Amino acid sequence: MTHMLCRNRVANFAKWKRGIDSHAAAHRAAGMKLVRFWREVGDRNNVFFLFEVSSMKKAKAFIRSPEAAKAGKKFGVLDGEIHFVTEESAKRAPKRKAKVNRIISDFLTGE
């Protein structure tokens, strides 16, 4: 699945949050579903948020539209960035527990 990972530095978080919440229908129409957002620990007006995207074409058209730019300005977006990303599974290193346990056991028994 494709996601759109965004960051906005905003003038006022509460104002920005009301604005993004008020655009839920427009987001859905553009094939976007807001699934999560975070605020930076050291700067609570630096916001990161994640949309699930069903159509990159629609999502790109939405974010490039004059209406989106106007809404961003209205809700206090000072700057931001957008990245389209896909999820990758983290590959784990092979389990070495058995080998480590054998080495410890050998050490303790003096073998």
PDB file of N, CA and C in Angstrom:
ATOM      1  N   MET A   1       0.842  -1.183   0.000  1.00  0.00           N
ATOM      2  CA  MET A   1       0.000   0.000   0.000  1.00  0.00           C
ATOM      3  C   MET A   1       0.881   1.238   0.000  1.00  0.00           C
ATOM      4  N   THR A   2       0.429   2.241  -0.711  1.00  0.00           N
ATOM      5  CA  THR A   2       1.141   3.513  -0.765  1.00  0.00           C
ATOM      6  C   THR A   2       0.627   4.426   0.344  1.00  0.00           C
ATOM      7  N   HIS A   3       1.563   5.130   0.949  1.00  0.00           N
ATOM      8  CA  HIS A   3       1.233   6.125   1.971  1.00  0.00           C
ATOM      9  C   HIS A   3       1.821   7.462   1.560  1.00  0.00           C
ATOM     10  N   MET A   4       1.259   8.508   2.101  1.00  0.00           N
ATOM     11  CA  MET A   4       1.799   9.845   1.919  1.00  0.00           C
ATOM     12  C   MET A   4       2.211  10.341   3.300  1.00  0.00           C
ATOM     13  N   LEU A   5       3.519  10.502   3.474  1.00  0.00           N
ATOM     14  CA  LEU A   5       4.088  10.968   4.735  1.00  0.00           C
ATOM     15  C   LEU A   5       4.357  12.456   4.599  1.00  0.00           C
ATOM     16  N   CYS A   6       3.796  13.237   5.515  1.00  0.00           N
ATOM     17  CA  CYS A   6       3.868  14.696   5.408  1.00  0.00           C
ATOM     18  C   CYS A   6       4.420  15.309   6.690  1.00  0.00           C
ATOM     19  N   ARG A   7       4.998  16.487   6.519  1.00  0.00           N
ATOM     20  CA  ARG A   7       5.412  17.300   7.657  1.00  0.00           C
ATOM     21  C   ARG A   7       4.965  18.723   7.394  1.00  0.00           C
ATOM     22  N   ASN A   8       4.352  19.330   8.387  1.00  0.00           N
ATOM     23  CA  ASN A   8       3.993  20.755   8.317  1.00  0.00           C
ATOM     24  C   ASN A   8       4.515  21.445   9.568  1.00  0.00           C
ATOM     25  N   ARG A   9       5.164  22.563   9.368  1.00  0.00           N
ATOM     26  CA  ARG A   9       5.446  23.462  10.485  1.00  0.00           C
ATOM     27  C   ARG A   9       4.322  24.477  10.435  1.00  0.00           C
ATOM     28  N   VAL A  10       3.604  24.603  11.555  1.00  0.00           N
ATOM     29  CA  VAL A  10       2.402  25.433  11.567  1.00  0.00           C
ATOM     30  C   VAL A  10       2.532  26.541  12.606  1.00  0.00           C
ATOM     31  N   ALA A  11       1.766  27.596  12.393  1.00  0.00           N
ATOM     32  CA  ALA A  11       1.791  28.724  13.328  1.00  0.00           C
ATOM     33  C   ALA A  11       1.070  28.377  14.625  1.00  0.00           C
ATOM     34  N   ASN A  12      -0.005  27.582  14.508  1.00  0.00           N
ATOM     35  CA  ASN A  12      -0.810  27.246  15.679  1.00  0.00           C
ATOM     36  C   ASN A  12      -1.409  25.856  15.461  1.00  0.00           C
ATOM     37  N   PHE A  13      -0.995  24.905  16.293  1.00  0.00           N
ATOM     38  CA  PHE A  13      -1.430  23.527  16.090  1.00  0.00           C
ATOM     39  C   PHE A  13      -2.950  23.376  16.133  1.00  0.00           C
ATOM     40  N   ALA A  14      -3.610  23.972  17.100  1.00  0.00           N
ATOM     41  CA  ALA A  14      -5.065  23.809  17.251  1.00  0.00           C
ATOM     42  C   ALA A  14      -5.795  24.286  15.987  1.00  0.00           C
ATOM     43  N   LYS A  15      -5.364  25.409  15.438  1.00  0.00           N
ATOM     44  CA  LYS A  15      -5.975  25.941  14.207  1.00  0.00           C
ATOM     45  C   LYS A  15      -5.731  24.982  13.042  1.00  0.00           C
ATOM     46  N   TRP A  16      -4.500  24.484  12.926  1.00  0.00           N
ATOM     47  CA  TRP A  16      -4.167  23.542  11.854  1.00  0.00           C
ATOM     48  C   TRP A  16      -4.998  22.263  11.982  1.00  0.00           C
ATOM     49  N   LYS A  17      -5.133  21.752  13.212  1.00  0.00           N
ATOM     50  CA  LYS A  17      -5.873  20.500  13.429  1.00  0.00           C
ATOM     51  C   LYS A  17      -7.340  20.665  13.049  1.00  0.00           C
ATOM     52  N   ARG A  18      -7.946  21.786  13.408  1.00  0.00           N
ATOM     53  CA  ARG A  18      -9.332  22.037  12.988  1.00  0.00           C
ATOM     54  C   ARG A  18      -9.432  22.052  11.468  1.00  0.00           C
ATOM     55  N   GLY A  19      -8.449  22.636  10.830  1.00  0.00           N
ATOM     56  CA  GLY A  19      -8.451  22.717   9.372  1.00  0.00           C
ATOM     57  C   GLY A  19      -8.324  21.362   8.715  1.00  0.00           C
ATOM     58  N   ILE A  20      -7.390  20.554   9.161  1.00  0.00           N
ATOM     59  CA  ILE A  20      -7.215  19.234   8.535  1.00  0.00           C
ATOM     60  C   ILE A  20      -8.432  18.353   8.803  1.00  0.00           C
ATOM     61  N   ASP A  21      -9.005  18.464   9.982  1.00  0.00           N
ATOM     62  CA  ASP A  21     -10.217  17.696  10.297  1.00  0.00           C
ATOM     63  C   ASP A  21     -11.383  18.117   9.402  1.00  0.00           C
ATOM     64  N   SER A  22     -11.462  19.401   9.093  1.00  0.00           N
ATOM     65  CA  SER A  22     -12.575  19.904   8.268  1.00  0.00           C
ATOM     66  C   SER A  22     -12.446  19.485   6.802  1.00  0.00           C
ATOM     67  N   HIS A  23     -11.290  18.982   6.403  1.00  0.00           N
ATOM     68  CA  HIS A  23     -11.063  18.566   5.020  1.00  0.00           C
ATOM     69  C   HIS A  23     -11.139  17.050   4.831  1.00  0.00           C
ATOM     70  N   ALA A  24     -11.686  16.331   5.793  1.00  0.00           N
ATOM     71  CA  ALA A  24     -11.740  14.866   5.706  1.00  0.00           C
ATOM     72  C   ALA A  24     -12.481  14.396   4.456  1.00  0.00           C
ATOM     73  N   ALA A  25     -13.599  15.029   4.110  1.00  0.00           N
ATOM     74  CA  ALA A  25     -14.364  14.626   2.927  1.00  0.00           C
ATOM     75  C   ALA A  25     -13.553  14.858   1.650  1.00  0.00           C
ATOM     76  N   ALA A  26     -12.845  15.972   1.576  1.00  0.00           N
ATOM     77  CA  ALA A  26     -12.013  16.262   0.400  1.00  0.00           C
ATOM     78  C   ALA A  26     -10.869  15.257   0.295  1.00  0.00           C
ATOM     79  N   HIS A  27     -10.304  14.897   1.445  1.00  0.00           N
ATOM     80  CA  HIS A  27      -9.237  13.891   1.447  1.00  0.00           C
ATOM     81  C   HIS A  27      -9.769  12.558   0.917  1.00  0.00           C
ATOM     82  N   ARG A  28     -10.929  12.150   1.421  1.00  0.00           N
ATOM     83  CA  ARG A  28     -11.530  10.880   0.959  1.00  0.00           C
ATOM     84  C   ARG A  28     -11.787  10.909  -0.544  1.00  0.00           C
ATOM     85  N   ALA A  29     -12.287  12.030  -1.049  1.00  0.00           N
ATOM     86  CA  ALA A  29     -12.563  12.159  -2.484  1.00  0.00           C
ATOM     87  C   ALA A  29     -11.282  12.040  -3.309  1.00  0.00           C
ATOM     88  N   ALA A  30     -10.159  12.408  -2.702  1.00  0.00           N
ATOM     89  CA  ALA A  30      -8.865  12.322  -3.380  1.00  0.00           C
ATOM     90  C   ALA A  30      -8.178  10.981  -3.120  1.00  0.00           C
ATOM     91  N   GLY A  31      -8.896  10.041  -2.517  1.00  0.00           N
ATOM     92  CA  GLY A  31      -8.322   8.723  -2.257  1.00  0.00           C
ATOM     93  C   GLY A  31      -7.336   8.694  -1.115  1.00  0.00           C
ATOM     94  N   MET A  32      -7.497   9.613  -0.164  1.00  0.00           N
ATOM     95  CA  MET A  32      -6.578   9.728   0.968  1.00  0.00           C
ATOM     96  C   MET A  32      -7.336   9.528   2.281  1.00  0.00           C
ATOM     97  N   LYS A  33      -6.731   8.789   3.194  1.00  0.00           N
ATOM     98  CA  LYS A  33      -7.324   8.579   4.515  1.00  0.00           C
ATOM     99  C   LYS A  33      -6.255   8.871   5.562  1.00  0.00           C
ATOM    100  N   LEU A  34      -6.498   9.878   6.394  1.00  0.00           N
ATOM    101  CA  LEU A  34      -5.561  10.216   7.461  1.00  0.00           C
ATOM    102  C   LEU A  34      -5.573   9.094   8.488  1.00  0.00           C
ATOM    103  N   VAL A  35      -4.414   8.488   8.724  1.00  0.00           N
ATOM    104  CA  VAL A  35      -4.362   7.363   9.654  1.00  0.00           C
ATOM    105  C   VAL A  35      -3.602   7.666  10.944  1.00  0.00           C
ATOM    106  N   ARG A  36      -2.739   8.673  10.927  1.00  0.00           N
ATOM    107  CA  ARG A  36      -1.972   8.955  12.138  1.00  0.00           C
ATOM    108  C   ARG A  36      -1.279  10.299  12.013  1.00  0.00           C
ATOM    109  N   PHE A  37      -1.065  10.946  13.157  1.00  0.00           N
ATOM    110  CA  PHE A  37      -0.212  12.131  13.153  1.00  0.00           C
ATOM    111  C   PHE A  37       0.555  12.198  14.459  1.00  0.00           C
ATOM    112  N   TRP A  38       1.686  12.891  14.409  1.00  0.00           N
ATOM    113  CA  TRP A  38       2.566  13.054  15.557  1.00  0.00           C
ATOM    114  C   TRP A  38       2.996  14.507  15.637  1.00  0.00           C
ATOM    115  N   ARG A  39       3.383  14.924  16.848  1.00  0.00           N
ATOM    116  CA  ARG A  39       3.932  16.274  17.042  1.00  0.00           C
ATOM    117  C   ARG A  39       5.351  16.124  17.578  1.00  0.00           C
ATOM    118  N   GLU A  40       6.244  16.950  17.064  1.00  0.00           N
ATOM    119  CA  GLU A  40       7.636  16.884  17.497  1.00  0.00           C
ATOM    120  C   GLU A  40       7.744  17.249  18.975  1.00  0.00           C
ATOM    121  N   VAL A  41       8.563  16.519  19.695  1.00  0.00           N
ATOM    122  CA  VAL A  41       8.716  16.743  21.137  1.00  0.00           C
ATOM    123  C   VAL A  41       9.240  18.154  21.422  1.00  0.00           C
ATOM    124  N   GLY A  42      10.252  18.600  20.709  1.00  0.00           N
ATOM    125  CA  GLY A  42      10.855  19.906  20.979  1.00  0.00           C
ATOM    126  C   GLY A  42      10.162  21.088  20.322  1.00  0.00           C
ATOM    127  N   ASP A  43       9.243  20.823  19.400  1.00  0.00           N
ATOM    128  CA  ASP A  43       8.531  21.887  18.691  1.00  0.00           C
ATOM    129  C   ASP A  43       7.133  21.383  18.374  1.00  0.00           C
ATOM    130  N   ARG A  44       6.183  21.632  19.256  1.00  0.00           N
ATOM    131  CA  ARG A  44       4.831  21.077  19.148  1.00  0.00           C
ATOM    132  C   ARG A  44       4.066  21.593  17.928  1.00  0.00           C
ATOM    133  N   ASN A  45       4.589  22.609  17.252  1.00  0.00           N
ATOM    134  CA  ASN A  45       3.969  23.104  16.022  1.00  0.00           C
ATOM    135  C   ASN A  45       4.614  22.510  14.776  1.00  0.00           C
ATOM    136  N   ASN A  46       5.471  21.516  14.958  1.00  0.00           N
ATOM    137  CA  ASN A  46       6.026  20.759  13.845  1.00  0.00           C
ATOM    138  C   ASN A  46       5.298  19.417  13.851  1.00  0.00           C
ATOM    139  N   VAL A  47       4.466  19.201  12.824  1.00  0.00           N
ATOM    140  CA  VAL A  47       3.527  18.079  12.815  1.00  0.00           C
ATOM    141  C   VAL A  47       3.879  17.122  11.678  1.00  0.00           C
ATOM    142  N   PHE A  48       3.865  15.836  11.991  1.00  0.00           N
ATOM    143  CA  PHE A  48       4.081  14.783  11.003  1.00  0.00           C
ATOM    144  C   PHE A  48       2.781  13.998  10.906  1.00  0.00           C
ATOM    145  N   PHE A  49       2.362  13.655   9.690  1.00  0.00           N
ATOM    146  CA  PHE A  49       1.110  12.919   9.557  1.00  0.00           C
ATOM    147  C   PHE A  49       1.179  11.980   8.365  1.00  0.00           C
ATOM    148  N   LEU A  50       0.336  10.950   8.428  1.00  0.00           N
ATOM    149  CA  LEU A  50       0.397   9.864   7.461  1.00  0.00           C
ATOM    150  C   LEU A  50      -0.988   9.580   6.897  1.00  0.00           C
ATOM    151  N   PHE A  51      -1.066   9.562   5.579  1.00  0.00           N
ATOM    152  CA  PHE A  51      -2.294   9.193   4.882  1.00  0.00           C
ATOM    153  C   PHE A  51      -2.090   7.851   4.184  1.00  0.00           C
ATOM    154  N   GLU A  52      -3.116   7.003   4.194  1.00  0.00           N
ATOM    155  CA  GLU A  52      -3.165   5.883   3.268  1.00  0.00           C
ATOM    156  C   GLU A  52      -3.646   6.474   1.944  1.00  0.00           C
ATOM    157  N   VAL A  53      -3.055   6.032   0.842  1.00  0.00           N
ATOM    158  CA  VAL A  53      -3.380   6.596  -0.465  1.00  0.00           C
ATOM    159  C   VAL A  53      -3.835   5.471  -1.392  1.00  0.00           C
ATOM    160  N   SER A  54      -5.062   5.568  -1.872  1.00  0.00           N
ATOM    161  CA  SER A  54      -5.558   4.545  -2.800  1.00  0.00           C
ATOM    162  C   SER A  54      -5.263   4.917  -4.253  1.00  0.00           C
ATOM    163  N   SER A  55      -5.035   6.200  -4.522  1.00  0.00           N
ATOM    164  CA  SER A  55      -4.715   6.654  -5.880  1.00  0.00           C
ATOM    165  C   SER A  55      -3.679   7.776  -5.809  1.00  0.00           C
ATOM    166  N   MET A  56      -2.443   7.465  -6.204  1.00  0.00           N
ATOM    167  CA  MET A  56      -1.409   8.506  -6.203  1.00  0.00           C
ATOM    168  C   MET A  56      -1.773   9.630  -7.158  1.00  0.00           C
ATOM    169  N   LYS A  57      -2.398   9.297  -8.268  1.00  0.00           N
ATOM    170  CA  LYS A  57      -2.786  10.314  -9.251  1.00  0.00           C
ATOM    171  C   LYS A  57      -3.744  11.327  -8.621  1.00  0.00           C
ATOM    172  N   LYS A  58      -4.776  10.826  -7.935  1.00  0.00           N
ATOM    173  CA  LYS A  58      -5.737  11.719  -7.280  1.00  0.00           C
ATOM    174  C   LYS A  58      -5.084  12.502  -6.148  1.00  0.00           C
ATOM    175  N   ALA A  59      -4.251  11.818  -5.358  1.00  0.00           N
ATOM    176  CA  ALA A  59      -3.599  12.485  -4.228  1.00  0.00           C
ATOM    177  C   ALA A  59      -2.685  13.606  -4.711  1.00  0.00           C
ATOM    178  N   LYS A  60      -1.915  13.334  -5.760  1.00  0.00           N
ATOM    179  CA  LYS A  60      -1.020  14.366  -6.298  1.00  0.00           C
ATOM    180  C   LYS A  60      -1.814  15.544  -6.860  1.00  0.00           C
ATOM    181  N   ALA A  61      -2.912  15.247  -7.536  1.00  0.00           N
ATOM    182  CA  ALA A  61      -3.757  16.328  -8.062  1.00  0.00           C
ATOM    183  C   ALA A  61      -4.306  17.170  -6.916  1.00  0.00           C
ATOM    184  N   PHE A  62      -4.705  16.519  -5.833  1.00  0.00           N
ATOM    185  CA  PHE A  62      -5.251  17.227  -4.676  1.00  0.00           C
ATOM    186  C   PHE A  62      -4.207  18.147  -4.051  1.00  0.00           C
ATOM    187  N   ILE A  63      -3.018  17.608  -3.777  1.00  0.00           N
ATOM    188  CA  ILE A  63      -2.018  18.430  -3.075  1.00  0.00           C
ATOM    189  C   ILE A  63      -1.439  19.534  -3.953  1.00  0.00           C
ATOM    190  N   ARG A  64      -1.535  19.383  -5.273  1.00  0.00           N
ATOM    191  CA  ARG A  64      -1.034  20.406  -6.191  1.00  0.00           C
ATOM    192  C   ARG A  64      -2.080  21.455  -6.547  1.00  0.00           C
ATOM    193  N   SER A  65      -3.282  21.256  -6.062  1.00  0.00           N
ATOM    194  CA  SER A  65      -4.374  22.169  -6.437  1.00  0.00           C
ATOM    195  C   SER A  65      -4.232  23.519  -5.730  1.00  0.00           C
ATOM    196  N   PRO A  66      -4.698  24.585  -6.378  1.00  0.00           N
ATOM    197  CA  PRO A  66      -4.690  25.901  -5.737  1.00  0.00           C
ATOM    198  C   PRO A  66      -5.507  25.915  -4.446  1.00  0.00           C
ATOM    199  N   GLU A  67      -6.571  25.102  -4.395  1.00  0.00           N
ATOM    200  CA  GLU A  67      -7.408  25.041  -3.187  1.00  0.00           C
ATOM    201  C   GLU A  67      -6.617  24.505  -1.995  1.00  0.00           C
ATOM    202  N   ALA A  68      -5.770  23.507  -2.228  1.00  0.00           N
ATOM    203  CA  ALA A  68      -4.958  22.953  -1.138  1.00  0.00           C
ATOM    204  C   ALA A  68      -3.971  23.991  -0.624  1.00  0.00           C
ATOM    205  N   ALA A  69      -3.351  24.726  -1.538  1.00  0.00           N
ATOM    206  CA  ALA A  69      -2.408  25.781  -1.135  1.00  0.00           C
ATOM    207  C   ALA A  69      -3.127  26.865  -0.341  1.00  0.00           C
ATOM    208  N   LYS A  70      -4.309  27.220  -0.793  1.00  0.00           N
ATOM    209  CA  LYS A  70      -5.108  28.243  -0.108  1.00  0.00           C
ATOM    210  C   LYS A  70      -5.500  27.761   1.293  1.00  0.00           C
ATOM    211  N   ALA A  71      -5.918  26.498   1.407  1.00  0.00           N
ATOM    212  CA  ALA A  71      -6.299  25.937   2.709  1.00  0.00           C
ATOM    213  C   ALA A  71      -5.098  25.897   3.647  1.00  0.00           C
ATOM    214  N   GLY A  72      -3.942  25.498   3.122  1.00  0.00           N
ATOM    215  CA  GLY A  72      -2.734  25.464   3.949  1.00  0.00           C
ATOM    216  C   GLY A  72      -2.408  26.830   4.521  1.00  0.00           C
ATOM    217  N   LYS A  73      -2.501  27.837   3.690  1.00  0.00           N
ATOM    218  CA  LYS A  73      -2.237  29.211   4.145  1.00  0.00           C
ATOM    219  C   LYS A  73      -3.265  29.631   5.192  1.00  0.00           C
ATOM    220  N   LYS A  74      -4.532  29.315   4.921  1.00  0.00           N
ATOM    221  CA  LYS A  74      -5.617  29.685   5.836  1.00  0.00           C
ATOM    222  C   LYS A  74      -5.430  29.056   7.218  1.00  0.00           C
ATOM    223  N   PHE A  75      -4.935  27.814   7.239  1.00  0.00           N
ATOM    224  CA  PHE A  75      -4.796  27.104   8.511  1.00  0.00           C
ATOM    225  C   PHE A  75      -3.407  27.204   9.117  1.00  0.00           C
ATOM    226  N   GLY A  76      -2.582  28.112   8.593  1.00  0.00           N
ATOM    227  CA  GLY A  76      -1.323  28.441   9.257  1.00  0.00           C
ATOM    228  C   GLY A  76      -0.132  27.569   8.940  1.00  0.00           C
ATOM    229  N   VAL A  77      -0.132  26.911   7.784  1.00  0.00           N
ATOM    230  CA  VAL A  77       1.040  26.119   7.401  1.00  0.00           C
ATOM    231  C   VAL A  77       2.150  27.079   6.980  1.00  0.00           C
ATOM    232  N   LEU A  78       3.295  26.973   7.657  1.00  0.00           N
ATOM    233  CA  LEU A  78       4.434  27.843   7.367  1.00  0.00           C
ATOM    234  C   LEU A  78       5.358  27.203   6.339  1.00  0.00           C
ATOM    235  N   ASP A  79       5.574  25.909   6.456  1.00  0.00           N
ATOM    236  CA  ASP A  79       6.327  25.152   5.464  1.00  0.00           C
ATOM    237  C   ASP A  79       6.023  23.678   5.661  1.00  0.00           C
ATOM    238  N   GLY A  80       6.474  22.886   4.714  1.00  0.00           N
ATOM    239  CA  GLY A  80       6.197  21.471   4.824  1.00  0.00           C
ATOM    240  C   GLY A  80       6.858  20.668   3.734  1.00  0.00           C
ATOM    241  N   GLU A  81       6.665  19.382   3.819  1.00  0.00           N
ATOM    242  CA  GLU A  81       7.178  18.477   2.800  1.00  0.00           C
ATOM    243  C   GLU A  81       6.265  17.262   2.719  1.00  0.00           C
ATOM    244  N   ILE A  82       6.280  16.627   1.554  1.00  0.00           N
ATOM    245  CA  ILE A  82       5.415  15.482   1.294  1.00  0.00           C
ATOM    246  C   ILE A  82       6.243  14.405   0.608  1.00  0.00           C
ATOM    247  N   HIS A  83       6.061  13.160   1.068  1.00  0.00           N
ATOM    248  CA  HIS A  83       6.758  12.026   0.468  1.00  0.00           C
ATOM    249  C   HIS A  83       5.769  10.886   0.279  1.00  0.00           C
ATOM    250  N   PHE A  84       5.767  10.285  -0.907  1.00  0.00           N
ATOM    251  CA  PHE A  84       4.993   9.078  -1.136  1.00  0.00           C
ATOM    252  C   PHE A  84       5.906   7.900  -0.823  1.00  0.00           C
ATOM    253  N   VAL A  85       5.435   7.015   0.035  1.00  0.00           N
ATOM    254  CA  VAL A  85       6.258   5.904   0.506  1.00  0.00           C
ATOM    255  C   VAL A  85       5.465   4.600   0.456  1.00  0.00           C
ATOM    256  N   THR A  86       6.199   3.499   0.400  1.00  0.00           N
ATOM    257  CA  THR A  86       5.589   2.179   0.522  1.00  0.00           C
ATOM    258  C   THR A  86       6.234   1.476   1.701  1.00  0.00           C
ATOM    259  N   GLU A  87       5.489   0.616   2.318  1.00  0.00           N
ATOM    260  CA  GLU A  87       5.975  -0.099   3.494  1.00  0.00           C
ATOM    261  C   GLU A  87       6.841  -1.272   3.076  1.00  0.00           C
ATOM    262  N   GLU A  88       7.937  -1.432   3.755  1.00  0.00           N
ATOM    263  CA  GLU A  88       8.834  -2.564   3.553  1.00  0.00           C
ATOM    264  C   GLU A  88       8.953  -3.298   4.882  1.00  0.00           C
ATOM    265  N   SER A  89       9.040  -4.606   4.813  1.00  0.00           N
ATOM    266  CA  SER A  89       9.191  -5.353   6.063  1.00  0.00           C
ATOM    267  C   SER A  89      10.651  -5.313   6.491  1.00  0.00           C
ATOM    268  N   ALA A  90      10.845  -5.194   7.778  1.00  0.00           N
ATOM    269  CA  ALA A  90      12.200  -5.196   8.321  1.00  0.00           C
ATOM    270  C   ALA A  90      12.707  -6.633   8.313  1.00  0.00           C
ATOM    271  N   LYS A  91      13.849  -6.845   7.720  1.00  0.00           N
ATOM    272  CA  LYS A  91      14.420  -8.181   7.671  1.00  0.00           C
ATOM    273  C   LYS A  91      15.233  -8.384   8.933  1.00  0.00           C
ATOM    274  N   ARG A  92      14.904  -9.413   9.627  1.00  0.00           N
ATOM    275  CA  ARG A  92      15.615  -9.676  10.878  1.00  0.00           C
ATOM    276  C   ARG A  92      16.855 -10.531  10.622  1.00  0.00           C
ATOM    277  N   ALA A  93      17.844 -10.265  11.424  1.00  0.00           N
ATOM    278  CA  ALA A  93      19.057 -11.069  11.342  1.00  0.00           C
ATOM    279  C   ALA A  93      18.723 -12.486  11.812  1.00  0.00           C
ATOM    280  N   PRO A  94      19.439 -13.475  11.309  1.00  0.00           N
ATOM    281  CA  PRO A  94      19.174 -14.851  11.736  1.00  0.00           C
ATOM    282  C   PRO A  94      19.301 -14.978  13.254  1.00  0.00           C
ATOM    283  N   LYS A  95      18.455 -15.802  13.801  1.00  0.00           N
ATOM    284  CA  LYS A  95      18.499 -15.997  15.249  1.00  0.00           C
ATOM    285  C   LYS A  95      19.773 -16.734  15.630  1.00  0.00           C
ATOM    286  N   ARG A  96      20.424 -16.200  16.622  1.00  0.00           N
ATOM    287  CA  ARG A  96      21.682 -16.799  17.079  1.00  0.00           C
ATOM    288  C   ARG A  96      21.592 -17.252  18.519  1.00  0.00           C
ATOM    289  N   LYS A  97      20.377 -17.258  19.037  1.00  0.00           N
ATOM    290  CA  LYS A  97      20.201 -17.572  20.445  1.00  0.00           C
ATOM    291  C   LYS A  97      20.765 -18.953  20.802  1.00  0.00           C
ATOM    292  N   ALA A  98      20.463 -19.949  19.975  1.00  0.00           N
ATOM    293  CA  ALA A  98      20.942 -21.301  20.276  1.00  0.00           C
ATOM    294  C   ALA A  98      22.467 -21.334  20.316  1.00  0.00           C
ATOM    295  N   LYS A  99      23.104 -20.676  19.354  1.00  0.00           N
ATOM    296  CA  LYS A  99      24.564 -20.655  19.308  1.00  0.00           C
ATOM    297  C   LYS A  99      25.130 -19.917  20.524  1.00  0.00           C
ATOM    298  N   VAL A 100      24.523 -18.792  20.876  1.00  0.00           N
ATOM    299  CA  VAL A 100      24.980 -18.030  22.036  1.00  0.00           C
ATOM    300  C   VAL A 100      24.811 -18.854  23.304  1.00  0.00           C
ATOM    301  N   ASN A 101      23.670 -19.531  23.451  1.00  0.00           N
ATOM    302  CA  ASN A 101      23.449 -20.374  24.626  1.00  0.00           C
ATOM    303  C   ASN A 101      24.493 -21.488  24.712  1.00  0.00           C
ATOM    304  N   ARG A 102      24.848 -22.088  23.564  1.00  0.00           N
ATOM    305  CA  ARG A 102      25.858 -23.153  23.550  1.00  0.00           C
ATOM    306  C   ARG A 102      27.213 -22.599  23.971  1.00  0.00           C
ATOM    307  N   ILE A 103      27.561 -21.415  23.463  1.00  0.00           N
ATOM    308  CA  ILE A 103      28.850 -20.803  23.824  1.00  0.00           C
ATOM    309  C   ILE A 103      28.899 -20.512  25.314  1.00  0.00           C
ATOM    310  N   ILE A 104      27.810 -19.971  25.867  1.00  0.00           N
ATOM    311  CA  ILE A 104      27.756 -19.672  27.305  1.00  0.00           C
ATOM    312  C   ILE A 104      27.858 -20.966  28.105  1.00  0.00           C
ATOM    313  N   SER A 105      27.116 -21.972  27.680  1.00  0.00           N
ATOM    314  CA  SER A 105      27.137 -23.257  28.367  1.00  0.00           C
ATOM    315  C   SER A 105      28.555 -23.847  28.344  1.00  0.00           C
ATOM    316  N   ASP A 106      29.201 -23.811  27.170  1.00  0.00           N
ATOM    317  CA  ASP A 106      30.581 -24.326  27.057  1.00  0.00           C
ATOM    318  C   ASP A 106      31.514 -23.565  27.978  1.00  0.00           C
ATOM    319  N   PHE A 107      31.335 -22.243  28.048  1.00  0.00           N
ATOM    320  CA  PHE A 107      32.188 -21.418  28.898  1.00  0.00           C
ATOM    321  C   PHE A 107      31.999 -21.799  30.375  1.00  0.00           C
ATOM    322  N   LEU A 108      30.733 -21.928  30.776  1.00  0.00           N
ATOM    323  CA  LEU A 108      30.444 -22.228  32.177  1.00  0.00           C
ATOM    324  C   LEU A 108      30.885 -23.618  32.578  1.00  0.00           C
ATOM    325  N   THR A 109      30.844 -24.542  31.664  1.00  0.00           N
ATOM    326  CA  THR A 109      31.240 -25.918  31.999  1.00  0.00           C
ATOM    327  C   THR A 109      32.714 -26.155  31.729  1.00  0.00           C
ATOM    328  N   GLY A 110      33.400 -25.174  31.182  1.00  0.00           N
ATOM    329  CA  GLY A 110      34.821 -25.280  30.919  1.00  0.00           C
ATOM    330  C   GLY A 110      35.161 -26.117  29.697  1.00  0.00           C
ATOM    331  N   GLU A 111      34.215 -26.325  28.840  1.00  0.00           N
ATOM    332  CA  GLU A 111      34.473 -27.123  27.624  1.00  0.00           C
ATOM    333  C   GLU A 111      35.009 -26.262  26.509  1.00  0.00           C
TER     334      GLU A 111
END
